[in-house]
């Protein structure tokens, strides 16, 4: 998780994603923190990767958190994909997660 987080700060989404896959291939189960770090590294143009990663996360039975959705919403917002961002906010509410200040400010910005 530490290595993935380091990639997040350098916006090296491709390395972060490879590290996540490496965990899986070594029999380690990525958790919500692992996925959140990779999602946070998917800035702007990588919004589709963020959505794919969110789906993968759910397929792997890793429950997304508010932070997870905020990272995906932020990525969509930075790519001017406001419809996807709003859709994520709605999906978040369907799963009984309550949008926080970050969610709301990202959606309206």
N, C-alpha and C. Protein backbone atom coordinates (compact mmCIF):
# COMPACT_ATOMS: atom_id res chain seq x y z
N UNK A 1 0.81 -1.20 0.00
CA UNK A 1 0.00 0.00 0.00
C UNK A 1 0.86 1.26 0.00
N UNK A 2 1.98 1.23 0.67
CA UNK A 2 2.86 2.39 0.73
C UNK A 2 3.42 2.72 -0.65
N UNK A 3 3.83 1.70 -1.39
CA UNK A 3 4.37 1.92 -2.74
C UNK A 3 3.29 2.46 -3.67
N UNK A 4 2.08 1.95 -3.54
CA UNK A 4 0.98 2.44 -4.38
C UNK A 4 0.69 3.89 -4.03
N UNK A 5 0.69 4.23 -2.76
CA UNK A 5 0.46 5.62 -2.34
C UNK A 5 1.53 6.55 -2.87
N UNK A 6 2.77 6.08 -2.91
CA UNK A 6 3.85 6.90 -3.46
C UNK A 6 3.59 7.21 -4.93
N UNK A 7 3.04 6.24 -5.65
CA UNK A 7 2.71 6.46 -7.07
C UNK A 7 1.59 7.48 -7.20
N UNK A 8 0.68 7.47 -6.26
CA UNK A 8 -0.43 8.42 -6.27
C UNK A 8 0.09 9.84 -6.23
N UNK A 9 1.06 10.10 -5.38
CA UNK A 9 1.59 11.45 -5.23
C UNK A 9 2.38 11.89 -6.47
N UNK A 10 2.95 10.94 -7.17
CA UNK A 10 3.67 11.26 -8.40
C UNK A 10 2.82 11.13 -9.64
N UNK A 11 1.55 10.80 -9.44
CA UNK A 11 0.59 10.60 -10.53
C UNK A 11 1.08 9.56 -11.54
N UNK A 12 1.65 8.49 -11.02
CA UNK A 12 2.10 7.37 -11.85
C UNK A 12 1.05 6.27 -11.78
N UNK A 13 -0.11 6.53 -12.38
CA UNK A 13 -1.22 5.61 -12.29
C UNK A 13 -0.88 4.24 -12.86
N UNK A 14 -0.06 4.21 -13.91
CA UNK A 14 0.25 2.93 -14.55
C UNK A 14 1.09 2.05 -13.62
N UNK A 15 2.02 2.63 -12.89
CA UNK A 15 2.83 1.87 -11.94
C UNK A 15 1.96 1.45 -10.76
N UNK A 16 1.09 2.33 -10.30
CA UNK A 16 0.20 2.00 -9.19
C UNK A 16 -0.69 0.82 -9.56
N UNK A 17 -1.22 0.83 -10.78
CA UNK A 17 -2.07 -0.26 -11.24
C UNK A 17 -1.28 -1.56 -11.34
N UNK A 18 -0.05 -1.48 -11.80
CA UNK A 18 0.80 -2.67 -11.90
C UNK A 18 1.11 -3.24 -10.51
N UNK A 19 1.35 -2.37 -9.56
CA UNK A 19 1.58 -2.83 -8.19
C UNK A 19 0.35 -3.52 -7.62
N UNK A 20 -0.82 -2.98 -7.92
CA UNK A 20 -2.06 -3.61 -7.46
C UNK A 20 -2.20 -5.01 -8.06
N UNK A 21 -1.96 -5.12 -9.35
CA UNK A 21 -2.03 -6.43 -10.01
C UNK A 21 -0.97 -7.38 -9.47
N UNK A 22 0.19 -6.83 -9.14
CA UNK A 22 1.27 -7.64 -8.58
C UNK A 22 0.85 -8.22 -7.22
N UNK A 23 0.14 -7.45 -6.44
CA UNK A 23 -0.37 -7.95 -5.16
C UNK A 23 -1.25 -9.17 -5.40
N UNK A 24 -2.16 -9.04 -6.35
CA UNK A 24 -3.10 -10.12 -6.64
C UNK A 24 -2.37 -11.37 -7.13
N UNK A 25 -1.37 -11.19 -7.99
CA UNK A 25 -0.65 -12.34 -8.54
C UNK A 25 0.20 -13.03 -7.48
N UNK A 26 0.52 -12.34 -6.40
CA UNK A 26 1.30 -12.92 -5.31
C UNK A 26 0.42 -13.47 -4.19
N UNK A 27 -0.87 -13.49 -4.46
CA UNK A 27 -1.78 -14.04 -3.47
C UNK A 27 -2.17 -13.09 -2.36
N UNK A 28 -1.81 -11.83 -2.50
CA UNK A 28 -2.20 -10.83 -1.51
C UNK A 28 -3.52 -10.21 -1.92
N UNK A 29 -4.40 -10.01 -0.98
CA UNK A 29 -5.71 -9.44 -1.28
C UNK A 29 -5.66 -7.92 -1.09
N UNK A 30 -5.74 -7.15 -2.19
CA UNK A 30 -5.80 -5.69 -2.04
C UNK A 30 -7.04 -5.31 -1.24
N UNK A 31 -6.91 -4.29 -0.42
CA UNK A 31 -8.05 -3.81 0.36
C UNK A 31 -8.52 -2.46 -0.16
N UNK A 32 -9.46 -1.87 0.52
CA UNK A 32 -10.02 -0.60 0.07
C UNK A 32 -8.95 0.49 0.01
N UNK A 33 -7.98 0.43 0.90
CA UNK A 33 -6.90 1.42 0.90
C UNK A 33 -6.05 1.28 -0.36
N UNK A 34 -5.78 0.05 -0.75
CA UNK A 34 -5.01 -0.21 -1.97
C UNK A 34 -5.73 0.39 -3.18
N UNK A 35 -7.01 0.07 -3.30
CA UNK A 35 -7.79 0.57 -4.43
C UNK A 35 -7.92 2.08 -4.40
N UNK A 36 -8.12 2.65 -3.22
CA UNK A 36 -8.25 4.11 -3.12
C UNK A 36 -6.98 4.81 -3.59
N UNK A 37 -5.83 4.26 -3.25
CA UNK A 37 -4.57 4.87 -3.67
C UNK A 37 -4.43 4.83 -5.19
N UNK A 38 -4.80 3.71 -5.80
CA UNK A 38 -4.72 3.62 -7.27
C UNK A 38 -5.74 4.58 -7.90
N UNK A 39 -6.94 4.60 -7.37
CA UNK A 39 -7.96 5.51 -7.89
C UNK A 39 -7.51 6.96 -7.81
N UNK A 40 -6.86 7.32 -6.73
CA UNK A 40 -6.41 8.70 -6.56
C UNK A 40 -5.28 9.06 -7.52
N UNK A 41 -4.61 8.07 -8.05
CA UNK A 41 -3.54 8.35 -9.02
C UNK A 41 -4.08 8.51 -10.44
N UNK A 42 -5.35 8.16 -10.67
CA UNK A 42 -5.96 8.24 -12.00
C UNK A 42 -6.55 9.62 -12.22
N UNK A 43 -5.73 10.60 -12.41
CA UNK A 43 -6.20 11.98 -12.56
C UNK A 43 -6.65 12.27 -13.99
N UNK A 44 -7.76 12.98 -14.10
CA UNK A 44 -8.20 13.53 -15.38
C UNK A 44 -8.43 12.53 -16.49
N UNK A 45 -7.49 12.43 -17.38
CA UNK A 45 -7.66 11.64 -18.60
C UNK A 45 -7.88 10.16 -18.32
N UNK A 46 -7.60 9.71 -17.16
CA UNK A 46 -7.71 8.29 -16.81
C UNK A 46 -9.06 7.97 -16.16
N UNK A 47 -10.07 8.77 -16.41
CA UNK A 47 -11.35 8.59 -15.75
C UNK A 47 -11.98 7.23 -16.06
N UNK A 48 -11.79 6.72 -17.28
CA UNK A 48 -12.36 5.41 -17.61
C UNK A 48 -11.65 4.30 -16.83
N UNK A 49 -10.35 4.45 -16.61
CA UNK A 49 -9.62 3.48 -15.79
C UNK A 49 -10.16 3.49 -14.37
N UNK A 50 -10.49 4.66 -13.87
CA UNK A 50 -11.03 4.78 -12.52
C UNK A 50 -12.37 4.04 -12.42
N UNK A 51 -13.22 4.19 -13.42
CA UNK A 51 -14.51 3.50 -13.40
C UNK A 51 -14.32 1.99 -13.50
N UNK A 52 -13.39 1.56 -14.35
CA UNK A 52 -13.08 0.13 -14.46
C UNK A 52 -12.56 -0.42 -13.14
N UNK A 53 -11.71 0.35 -12.49
CA UNK A 53 -11.14 -0.09 -11.23
C UNK A 53 -12.22 -0.20 -10.15
N UNK A 54 -13.16 0.71 -10.16
CA UNK A 54 -14.27 0.65 -9.20
C UNK A 54 -15.09 -0.61 -9.43
N UNK A 55 -15.34 -0.96 -10.69
CA UNK A 55 -16.07 -2.20 -11.00
C UNK A 55 -15.27 -3.43 -10.54
N UNK A 56 -13.98 -3.43 -10.82
CA UNK A 56 -13.12 -4.55 -10.43
C UNK A 56 -13.15 -4.72 -8.91
N UNK A 57 -13.08 -3.61 -8.24
CA UNK A 57 -13.11 -3.62 -6.79
C UNK A 57 -14.36 -4.32 -6.27
N UNK A 58 -15.49 -3.98 -6.84
CA UNK A 58 -16.76 -4.57 -6.43
C UNK A 58 -16.82 -6.06 -6.81
N UNK A 59 -16.26 -6.41 -7.96
CA UNK A 59 -16.21 -7.82 -8.37
C UNK A 59 -15.35 -8.64 -7.42
N UNK A 60 -14.34 -8.01 -6.83
CA UNK A 60 -13.43 -8.68 -5.89
C UNK A 60 -13.97 -8.64 -4.45
N UNK A 61 -15.20 -8.18 -4.31
CA UNK A 61 -15.86 -8.09 -2.99
C UNK A 61 -15.14 -7.16 -2.02
N UNK A 62 -14.55 -6.12 -2.57
CA UNK A 62 -13.96 -5.07 -1.74
C UNK A 62 -14.97 -3.92 -1.74
N UNK A 63 -15.47 -3.59 -0.57
CA UNK A 63 -16.52 -2.59 -0.45
C UNK A 63 -15.95 -1.18 -0.58
N UNK A 64 -16.44 -0.42 -1.58
CA UNK A 64 -15.98 0.96 -1.73
C UNK A 64 -16.43 1.82 -0.55
N UNK A 65 -15.63 2.82 -0.25
CA UNK A 65 -15.95 3.76 0.82
C UNK A 65 -16.29 5.12 0.22
N UNK A 66 -16.60 6.07 1.07
CA UNK A 66 -16.83 7.44 0.60
C UNK A 66 -15.56 7.95 -0.07
N UNK A 67 -14.40 7.64 0.48
CA UNK A 67 -13.13 8.06 -0.11
C UNK A 67 -12.97 7.47 -1.51
N UNK A 68 -13.37 6.23 -1.68
CA UNK A 68 -13.30 5.56 -2.99
C UNK A 68 -14.12 6.34 -4.02
N UNK A 69 -15.36 6.60 -3.67
CA UNK A 69 -16.23 7.33 -4.59
C UNK A 69 -15.72 8.74 -4.83
N UNK A 70 -15.22 9.40 -3.80
CA UNK A 70 -14.70 10.75 -3.97
C UNK A 70 -13.53 10.77 -4.95
N UNK A 71 -12.65 9.77 -4.86
CA UNK A 71 -11.51 9.71 -5.78
C UNK A 71 -11.99 9.51 -7.22
N UNK A 72 -12.95 8.63 -7.41
CA UNK A 72 -13.48 8.38 -8.75
C UNK A 72 -14.23 9.61 -9.28
N UNK A 73 -15.02 10.24 -8.43
CA UNK A 73 -15.75 11.45 -8.82
C UNK A 73 -14.78 12.56 -9.19
N UNK A 74 -13.73 12.73 -8.41
CA UNK A 74 -12.72 13.76 -8.69
C UNK A 74 -12.05 13.52 -10.04
N UNK A 75 -11.73 12.28 -10.33
CA UNK A 75 -11.11 11.95 -11.61
C UNK A 75 -12.04 12.31 -12.76
N UNK A 76 -13.32 11.98 -12.63
CA UNK A 76 -14.30 12.31 -13.67
C UNK A 76 -14.46 13.82 -13.80
N UNK A 77 -14.49 14.51 -12.69
CA UNK A 77 -14.65 15.97 -12.70
C UNK A 77 -13.48 16.63 -13.41
N UNK A 78 -12.27 16.16 -13.15
CA UNK A 78 -11.08 16.74 -13.77
C UNK A 78 -11.04 16.49 -15.28
N UNK A 79 -11.74 15.45 -15.73
CA UNK A 79 -11.80 15.14 -17.15
C UNK A 79 -13.06 15.73 -17.80
N UNK A 80 -13.77 16.58 -17.06
CA UNK A 80 -15.01 17.20 -17.53
C UNK A 80 -16.07 16.16 -17.89
N UNK A 81 -16.07 15.06 -17.18
CA UNK A 81 -17.06 13.99 -17.37
C UNK A 81 -18.11 14.11 -16.26
N UNK A 82 -18.84 15.21 -16.29
CA UNK A 82 -19.76 15.51 -15.20
C UNK A 82 -20.89 14.50 -15.11
N UNK A 83 -21.34 13.94 -16.24
CA UNK A 83 -22.41 12.93 -16.18
C UNK A 83 -21.95 11.70 -15.42
N UNK A 84 -20.72 11.27 -15.67
CA UNK A 84 -20.16 10.12 -14.96
C UNK A 84 -20.01 10.45 -13.47
N UNK A 85 -19.59 11.67 -13.16
CA UNK A 85 -19.43 12.08 -11.77
C UNK A 85 -20.77 12.04 -11.03
N UNK A 86 -21.79 12.56 -11.66
CA UNK A 86 -23.13 12.55 -11.04
C UNK A 86 -23.64 11.13 -10.89
N UNK A 87 -23.39 10.31 -11.89
CA UNK A 87 -23.79 8.90 -11.82
C UNK A 87 -23.12 8.19 -10.65
N UNK A 88 -21.85 8.48 -10.43
CA UNK A 88 -21.13 7.89 -9.30
C UNK A 88 -21.71 8.37 -7.97
N UNK A 89 -22.07 9.64 -7.90
CA UNK A 89 -22.66 10.16 -6.67
C UNK A 89 -23.99 9.47 -6.39
N UNK A 90 -24.77 9.21 -7.42
CA UNK A 90 -26.04 8.51 -7.26
C UNK A 90 -25.81 7.06 -6.84
N UNK A 91 -24.82 6.41 -7.46
CA UNK A 91 -24.48 5.03 -7.10
C UNK A 91 -24.04 4.95 -5.65
N UNK A 92 -23.33 5.95 -5.23
CA UNK A 92 -22.86 6.03 -3.84
C UNK A 92 -24.04 6.02 -2.88
N UNK A 93 -25.05 6.78 -3.18
CA UNK A 93 -26.21 6.87 -2.32
C UNK A 93 -27.02 5.57 -2.32
N UNK A 94 -27.04 4.87 -3.46
CA UNK A 94 -27.74 3.60 -3.55
C UNK A 94 -27.11 2.58 -2.59
N UNK A 95 -25.79 2.68 -2.41
CA UNK A 95 -25.09 1.75 -1.51
C UNK A 95 -25.13 2.22 -0.06
N UNK A 96 -25.97 3.20 0.24
CA UNK A 96 -26.17 3.74 1.59
C UNK A 96 -24.98 4.54 2.12
N UNK A 97 -24.07 4.93 1.23
CA UNK A 97 -23.00 5.83 1.64
C UNK A 97 -23.50 7.27 1.54
N UNK A 98 -23.15 8.06 2.50
CA UNK A 98 -23.61 9.45 2.53
C UNK A 98 -22.51 10.34 1.96
N UNK A 99 -22.84 11.10 0.90
CA UNK A 99 -21.84 12.03 0.35
C UNK A 99 -21.40 13.02 1.42
N UNK A 100 -20.10 13.32 1.43
CA UNK A 100 -19.59 14.28 2.40
C UNK A 100 -19.31 15.62 1.71
N UNK A 101 -18.67 16.53 2.43
CA UNK A 101 -18.38 17.85 1.87
C UNK A 101 -17.52 17.77 0.62
N UNK A 102 -16.57 16.84 0.63
CA UNK A 102 -15.69 16.67 -0.53
C UNK A 102 -16.49 16.22 -1.75
N UNK A 103 -17.39 15.27 -1.54
CA UNK A 103 -18.23 14.80 -2.64
C UNK A 103 -19.01 15.95 -3.24
N UNK A 104 -19.69 16.69 -2.40
CA UNK A 104 -20.54 17.79 -2.86
C UNK A 104 -19.75 18.89 -3.53
N UNK A 105 -18.62 19.28 -2.95
CA UNK A 105 -17.83 20.37 -3.56
C UNK A 105 -17.22 19.92 -4.88
N UNK A 106 -16.86 18.66 -5.00
CA UNK A 106 -16.30 18.16 -6.26
C UNK A 106 -17.37 18.15 -7.34
N UNK A 107 -18.57 17.72 -6.99
CA UNK A 107 -19.67 17.65 -7.96
C UNK A 107 -20.01 19.05 -8.49
N UNK A 108 -20.02 20.05 -7.62
CA UNK A 108 -20.45 21.38 -8.08
C UNK A 108 -19.33 22.21 -8.68
N UNK A 109 -18.08 21.75 -8.56
CA UNK A 109 -16.97 22.57 -9.08
C UNK A 109 -16.75 22.40 -10.56
